[in-house]
């Protein structure tokens, strides 16, 4: 199994969610996060004062899938989250040793 973590722009969450639903991904975890990379924040003006916003709002989407679905998930996220501009985000893919559903005690792919 693989855990796929994607840091994306907040306005891309709905298209990514719909794309994952179309390839039969039934569960995901979404967290509002802040961060920066090459984008290095933005300058904003508020009441005539200019200030630097270092940490930009992003969304982290986490999905655990069987190995054979991992590439399809990554491709779906890339297709729907890409704008072609700096700040589109990153995708991380990790191996998952075990999954256990707390309610039933199911393990492995049955627990996902």
N, C-alpha and C. Protein backbone atom coordinates (compact mmCIF):
# COMPACT_ATOMS: atom_id res chain seq x y z
N UNK A 1 0.83 -1.18 0.00
CA UNK A 1 0.00 0.00 0.00
C UNK A 1 0.88 1.24 0.00
N UNK A 2 0.29 2.35 -0.47
CA UNK A 2 1.01 3.62 -0.52
C UNK A 2 0.15 4.71 0.13
N UNK A 3 0.83 5.63 0.80
CA UNK A 3 0.17 6.83 1.29
C UNK A 3 0.60 7.96 0.37
N UNK A 4 -0.38 8.65 -0.20
CA UNK A 4 -0.09 9.76 -1.09
C UNK A 4 -0.53 11.03 -0.39
N UNK A 5 0.41 11.93 -0.24
CA UNK A 5 0.18 13.22 0.41
C UNK A 5 0.37 14.30 -0.64
N UNK A 6 -0.61 15.12 -0.84
CA UNK A 6 -0.51 16.20 -1.83
C UNK A 6 -0.78 17.53 -1.15
N UNK A 7 0.13 18.46 -1.33
CA UNK A 7 -0.06 19.84 -0.86
C UNK A 7 -0.48 20.64 -2.09
N UNK A 8 -1.70 21.16 -2.07
CA UNK A 8 -2.25 21.83 -3.26
C UNK A 8 -2.84 23.19 -2.88
N UNK A 9 -3.18 23.97 -3.89
CA UNK A 9 -3.83 25.25 -3.66
C UNK A 9 -5.28 24.99 -3.22
N UNK A 10 -5.78 25.78 -2.27
CA UNK A 10 -7.13 25.53 -1.74
C UNK A 10 -8.23 25.49 -2.80
N UNK A 11 -8.15 26.33 -3.81
CA UNK A 11 -9.22 26.36 -4.82
C UNK A 11 -9.18 25.15 -5.75
N UNK A 12 -8.15 24.30 -5.63
CA UNK A 12 -8.06 23.09 -6.44
C UNK A 12 -8.59 21.85 -5.71
N UNK A 13 -9.04 22.02 -4.47
CA UNK A 13 -9.51 20.87 -3.69
C UNK A 13 -10.71 20.19 -4.34
N UNK A 14 -11.72 20.94 -4.72
CA UNK A 14 -12.93 20.33 -5.32
C UNK A 14 -12.62 19.55 -6.59
N UNK A 15 -11.87 20.11 -7.56
CA UNK A 15 -11.55 19.32 -8.75
C UNK A 15 -10.75 18.05 -8.43
N UNK A 16 -9.83 18.14 -7.47
CA UNK A 16 -9.04 16.96 -7.08
C UNK A 16 -9.95 15.92 -6.44
N UNK A 17 -10.83 16.36 -5.54
CA UNK A 17 -11.75 15.43 -4.87
C UNK A 17 -12.63 14.71 -5.89
N UNK A 18 -13.17 15.46 -6.87
CA UNK A 18 -14.01 14.84 -7.89
C UNK A 18 -13.22 13.85 -8.75
N UNK A 19 -11.99 14.18 -9.09
CA UNK A 19 -11.16 13.28 -9.89
C UNK A 19 -10.86 11.99 -9.14
N UNK A 20 -10.59 12.10 -7.84
CA UNK A 20 -10.32 10.89 -7.05
C UNK A 20 -11.58 10.05 -6.90
N UNK A 21 -12.72 10.71 -6.77
CA UNK A 21 -13.99 9.97 -6.69
C UNK A 21 -14.24 9.17 -7.97
N UNK A 22 -13.91 9.77 -9.13
CA UNK A 22 -14.11 9.09 -10.41
C UNK A 22 -13.27 7.83 -10.56
N UNK A 23 -12.11 7.78 -9.87
CA UNK A 23 -11.27 6.57 -9.96
C UNK A 23 -11.46 5.69 -8.72
N UNK A 24 -12.63 5.83 -8.08
CA UNK A 24 -13.08 4.98 -6.97
C UNK A 24 -12.26 5.10 -5.70
N UNK A 25 -11.75 6.28 -5.42
CA UNK A 25 -11.09 6.52 -4.14
C UNK A 25 -12.18 7.03 -3.20
N UNK A 26 -12.45 6.26 -2.14
CA UNK A 26 -13.61 6.56 -1.31
C UNK A 26 -13.29 7.37 -0.06
N UNK A 27 -12.05 7.38 0.36
CA UNK A 27 -11.75 8.09 1.59
C UNK A 27 -10.49 8.92 1.45
N UNK A 28 -10.48 10.05 2.13
CA UNK A 28 -9.29 10.90 2.13
C UNK A 28 -9.34 11.77 3.38
N UNK A 29 -8.21 12.29 3.74
CA UNK A 29 -8.12 13.25 4.84
C UNK A 29 -7.65 14.57 4.26
N UNK A 30 -8.32 15.65 4.63
CA UNK A 30 -7.97 16.97 4.13
C UNK A 30 -7.68 17.87 5.33
N UNK A 31 -6.55 18.57 5.26
CA UNK A 31 -6.13 19.46 6.33
C UNK A 31 -5.77 20.81 5.74
N UNK A 32 -6.20 21.87 6.37
CA UNK A 32 -5.76 23.21 5.97
C UNK A 32 -4.39 23.45 6.58
N UNK A 33 -3.42 23.79 5.74
CA UNK A 33 -2.05 24.00 6.20
C UNK A 33 -1.53 25.33 5.65
N UNK A 34 -0.38 25.74 6.15
CA UNK A 34 0.28 26.94 5.62
C UNK A 34 1.73 26.60 5.36
N UNK A 35 2.30 27.21 4.34
CA UNK A 35 3.70 26.96 4.04
C UNK A 35 4.17 27.78 2.86
N UNK A 36 5.43 27.59 2.51
CA UNK A 36 5.98 28.23 1.33
C UNK A 36 7.15 27.42 0.83
N UNK A 37 7.42 27.59 -0.44
CA UNK A 37 8.56 26.96 -1.08
C UNK A 37 9.23 28.01 -1.93
N UNK A 38 9.37 27.74 -3.20
CA UNK A 38 9.97 28.72 -4.11
C UNK A 38 9.14 29.98 -4.21
N UNK A 39 7.86 29.87 -3.91
CA UNK A 39 6.95 31.00 -4.00
C UNK A 39 7.36 32.11 -3.01
N UNK A 40 7.91 31.72 -1.87
CA UNK A 40 8.44 32.62 -0.84
C UNK A 40 7.45 33.66 -0.34
N UNK A 41 6.18 33.35 -0.33
CA UNK A 41 5.20 34.28 0.20
C UNK A 41 4.80 35.36 -0.80
N UNK A 42 4.00 36.28 -0.32
CA UNK A 42 3.53 37.38 -1.16
C UNK A 42 3.53 38.67 -0.35
N UNK A 43 3.54 39.80 -1.05
CA UNK A 43 3.41 41.11 -0.40
C UNK A 43 1.96 41.56 -0.55
N UNK A 44 1.40 42.04 0.55
CA UNK A 44 0.03 42.54 0.52
C UNK A 44 0.00 43.94 1.11
N UNK A 45 -1.02 44.68 0.73
CA UNK A 45 -1.22 46.02 1.28
C UNK A 45 -2.51 46.00 2.08
N UNK A 46 -2.43 46.46 3.33
CA UNK A 46 -3.58 46.52 4.21
C UNK A 46 -3.60 47.89 4.87
N UNK A 47 -4.66 48.64 4.62
CA UNK A 47 -4.81 50.00 5.16
C UNK A 47 -3.59 50.87 4.89
N UNK A 48 -3.12 50.76 3.66
CA UNK A 48 -2.00 51.59 3.23
C UNK A 48 -0.63 51.11 3.64
N UNK A 49 -0.56 50.06 4.44
CA UNK A 49 0.74 49.51 4.88
C UNK A 49 1.03 48.23 4.10
N UNK A 50 2.25 48.14 3.59
CA UNK A 50 2.65 46.94 2.87
C UNK A 50 3.33 45.98 3.86
N UNK A 51 2.97 44.70 3.76
CA UNK A 51 3.62 43.71 4.61
C UNK A 51 3.80 42.40 3.86
N UNK A 52 4.73 41.59 4.35
CA UNK A 52 5.08 40.32 3.72
C UNK A 52 4.32 39.19 4.41
N UNK A 53 3.64 38.36 3.62
CA UNK A 53 2.97 37.16 4.14
C UNK A 53 3.86 35.98 3.73
N UNK A 54 4.58 35.41 4.71
CA UNK A 54 5.54 34.33 4.42
C UNK A 54 4.85 32.98 4.20
N UNK A 55 3.87 32.67 5.02
CA UNK A 55 3.21 31.37 4.93
C UNK A 55 1.88 31.52 4.21
N UNK A 56 1.77 30.81 3.10
CA UNK A 56 0.56 30.90 2.28
C UNK A 56 -0.38 29.74 2.60
N UNK A 57 -1.69 29.98 2.52
CA UNK A 57 -2.64 28.90 2.79
C UNK A 57 -2.58 27.83 1.70
N UNK A 58 -2.54 26.59 2.12
CA UNK A 58 -2.56 25.43 1.22
C UNK A 58 -3.51 24.39 1.81
N UNK A 59 -3.73 23.33 1.08
CA UNK A 59 -4.54 22.21 1.55
C UNK A 59 -3.72 20.94 1.39
N UNK A 60 -3.70 20.11 2.43
CA UNK A 60 -3.02 18.82 2.34
C UNK A 60 -4.07 17.72 2.22
N UNK A 61 -3.95 16.93 1.14
CA UNK A 61 -4.85 15.81 0.90
C UNK A 61 -4.05 14.53 1.12
N UNK A 62 -4.56 13.64 1.96
CA UNK A 62 -3.88 12.37 2.25
C UNK A 62 -4.79 11.22 1.86
N UNK A 63 -4.23 10.26 1.13
CA UNK A 63 -4.98 9.11 0.65
C UNK A 63 -4.10 7.87 0.80
N UNK A 64 -4.66 6.77 1.30
CA UNK A 64 -3.95 5.49 1.34
C UNK A 64 -4.64 4.55 0.36
N UNK A 65 -3.84 3.99 -0.57
CA UNK A 65 -4.40 3.17 -1.64
C UNK A 65 -3.53 1.92 -1.85
N UNK A 66 -4.10 0.88 -2.48
CA UNK A 66 -3.29 -0.26 -2.88
C UNK A 66 -2.23 0.18 -3.89
N UNK A 67 -1.12 -0.53 -3.94
CA UNK A 67 -0.01 -0.17 -4.83
C UNK A 67 -0.46 0.05 -6.27
N UNK A 68 -1.38 -0.78 -6.76
CA UNK A 68 -1.77 -0.70 -8.17
C UNK A 68 -2.58 0.56 -8.49
N UNK A 69 -3.14 1.24 -7.49
CA UNK A 69 -3.90 2.47 -7.73
C UNK A 69 -3.06 3.73 -7.53
N UNK A 70 -1.87 3.59 -6.97
CA UNK A 70 -1.07 4.76 -6.60
C UNK A 70 -0.77 5.66 -7.79
N UNK A 71 -0.35 5.10 -8.90
CA UNK A 71 0.01 5.92 -10.06
C UNK A 71 -1.21 6.66 -10.61
N UNK A 72 -2.37 6.01 -10.62
CA UNK A 72 -3.58 6.67 -11.11
C UNK A 72 -3.97 7.83 -10.21
N UNK A 73 -3.79 7.68 -8.91
CA UNK A 73 -4.09 8.76 -7.96
C UNK A 73 -3.16 9.94 -8.19
N UNK A 74 -1.87 9.66 -8.32
CA UNK A 74 -0.89 10.72 -8.56
C UNK A 74 -1.22 11.47 -9.85
N UNK A 75 -1.52 10.74 -10.91
CA UNK A 75 -1.84 11.37 -12.19
C UNK A 75 -3.10 12.22 -12.11
N UNK A 76 -4.12 11.74 -11.38
CA UNK A 76 -5.36 12.50 -11.22
C UNK A 76 -5.11 13.80 -10.47
N UNK A 77 -4.30 13.74 -9.42
CA UNK A 77 -3.99 14.94 -8.66
C UNK A 77 -3.23 15.94 -9.52
N UNK A 78 -2.22 15.46 -10.23
CA UNK A 78 -1.44 16.36 -11.09
C UNK A 78 -2.34 17.03 -12.12
N UNK A 79 -3.19 16.24 -12.76
CA UNK A 79 -4.05 16.79 -13.81
C UNK A 79 -4.97 17.88 -13.29
N UNK A 80 -5.54 17.68 -12.11
CA UNK A 80 -6.53 18.63 -11.60
C UNK A 80 -5.93 19.76 -10.77
N UNK A 81 -4.74 19.58 -10.20
CA UNK A 81 -4.16 20.61 -9.33
C UNK A 81 -3.21 21.54 -10.07
N UNK A 82 -2.75 21.16 -11.24
CA UNK A 82 -1.75 21.95 -11.96
C UNK A 82 -2.37 23.20 -12.59
N UNK A 83 -1.70 24.35 -12.33
CA UNK A 83 -2.05 25.60 -13.01
C UNK A 83 -0.91 26.03 -13.91
N UNK A 84 0.29 25.47 -13.66
CA UNK A 84 1.46 25.86 -14.43
C UNK A 84 2.22 27.02 -13.82
N UNK A 85 1.77 27.47 -12.66
CA UNK A 85 2.44 28.59 -11.99
C UNK A 85 3.12 28.11 -10.71
N UNK A 86 4.06 28.92 -10.24
CA UNK A 86 4.72 28.61 -8.97
C UNK A 86 3.66 28.54 -7.88
N UNK A 87 3.78 27.57 -6.99
CA UNK A 87 2.83 27.43 -5.89
C UNK A 87 1.80 26.34 -6.10
N UNK A 88 1.91 25.58 -7.20
CA UNK A 88 0.95 24.50 -7.45
C UNK A 88 1.01 23.41 -6.38
N UNK A 89 2.17 23.21 -5.76
CA UNK A 89 2.27 22.25 -4.67
C UNK A 89 3.20 21.11 -4.95
N UNK A 90 3.10 20.08 -4.11
CA UNK A 90 3.95 18.90 -4.18
C UNK A 90 3.12 17.66 -3.88
N UNK A 91 3.62 16.52 -4.35
CA UNK A 91 3.03 15.22 -4.03
C UNK A 91 4.13 14.35 -3.46
N UNK A 92 3.84 13.70 -2.34
CA UNK A 92 4.76 12.78 -1.69
C UNK A 92 4.12 11.40 -1.66
N UNK A 93 4.88 10.36 -1.97
CA UNK A 93 4.37 8.99 -1.96
C UNK A 93 5.21 8.18 -0.98
N UNK A 94 4.55 7.57 0.01
CA UNK A 94 5.22 6.81 1.06
C UNK A 94 4.72 5.36 1.06
N UNK A 95 5.59 4.41 1.39
CA UNK A 95 5.10 3.05 1.61
C UNK A 95 4.35 2.97 2.95
N UNK A 96 3.31 2.15 3.00
CA UNK A 96 2.54 1.95 4.23
C UNK A 96 2.72 0.50 4.67
N UNK A 97 3.19 0.31 5.88
CA UNK A 97 3.44 -1.04 6.38
C UNK A 97 2.15 -1.74 6.80
N UNK A 98 1.23 -1.02 7.42
CA UNK A 98 0.02 -1.66 7.93
C UNK A 98 -1.08 -0.62 8.10
N UNK A 99 -2.32 -1.08 7.91
CA UNK A 99 -3.50 -0.26 8.18
C UNK A 99 -4.44 -1.11 9.01
N UNK A 100 -5.02 -0.52 10.04
CA UNK A 100 -5.97 -1.24 10.91
C UNK A 100 -7.20 -0.36 11.10
N UNK A 101 -8.35 -0.92 10.79
CA UNK A 101 -9.61 -0.20 11.04
C UNK A 101 -9.96 -0.42 12.51
N UNK A 102 -10.05 0.64 13.26
CA UNK A 102 -10.25 0.54 14.70
C UNK A 102 -11.58 -0.13 15.04
N UNK A 103 -12.64 0.26 14.36
CA UNK A 103 -13.98 -0.24 14.68
C UNK A 103 -14.09 -1.75 14.54
N UNK A 104 -13.57 -2.31 13.43
CA UNK A 104 -13.79 -3.74 13.15
C UNK A 104 -12.56 -4.60 13.37
N UNK A 105 -11.39 -3.99 13.42
CA UNK A 105 -10.15 -4.76 13.55
C UNK A 105 -9.63 -5.25 12.21
N UNK A 106 -10.30 -4.89 11.10
CA UNK A 106 -9.80 -5.29 9.77
C UNK A 106 -8.40 -4.71 9.57
N UNK A 107 -7.60 -5.45 8.79
CA UNK A 107 -6.23 -5.00 8.54
C UNK A 107 -5.95 -4.99 7.04
N UNK A 108 -4.84 -4.34 6.68
CA UNK A 108 -4.40 -4.32 5.30
C UNK A 108 -5.37 -3.58 4.39
N UNK A 109 -5.46 -4.00 3.15
CA UNK A 109 -6.32 -3.33 2.16
C UNK A 109 -7.79 -3.36 2.54
N UNK A 110 -8.22 -4.35 3.31
CA UNK A 110 -9.61 -4.40 3.77
C UNK A 110 -9.94 -3.24 4.69
N UNK A 111 -8.94 -2.71 5.38
CA UNK A 111 -9.16 -1.60 6.30
C UNK A 111 -9.22 -0.27 5.60
N UNK A 112 -8.73 -0.23 4.36
CA UNK A 112 -8.75 1.04 3.63
C UNK A 112 -10.11 1.19 3.05
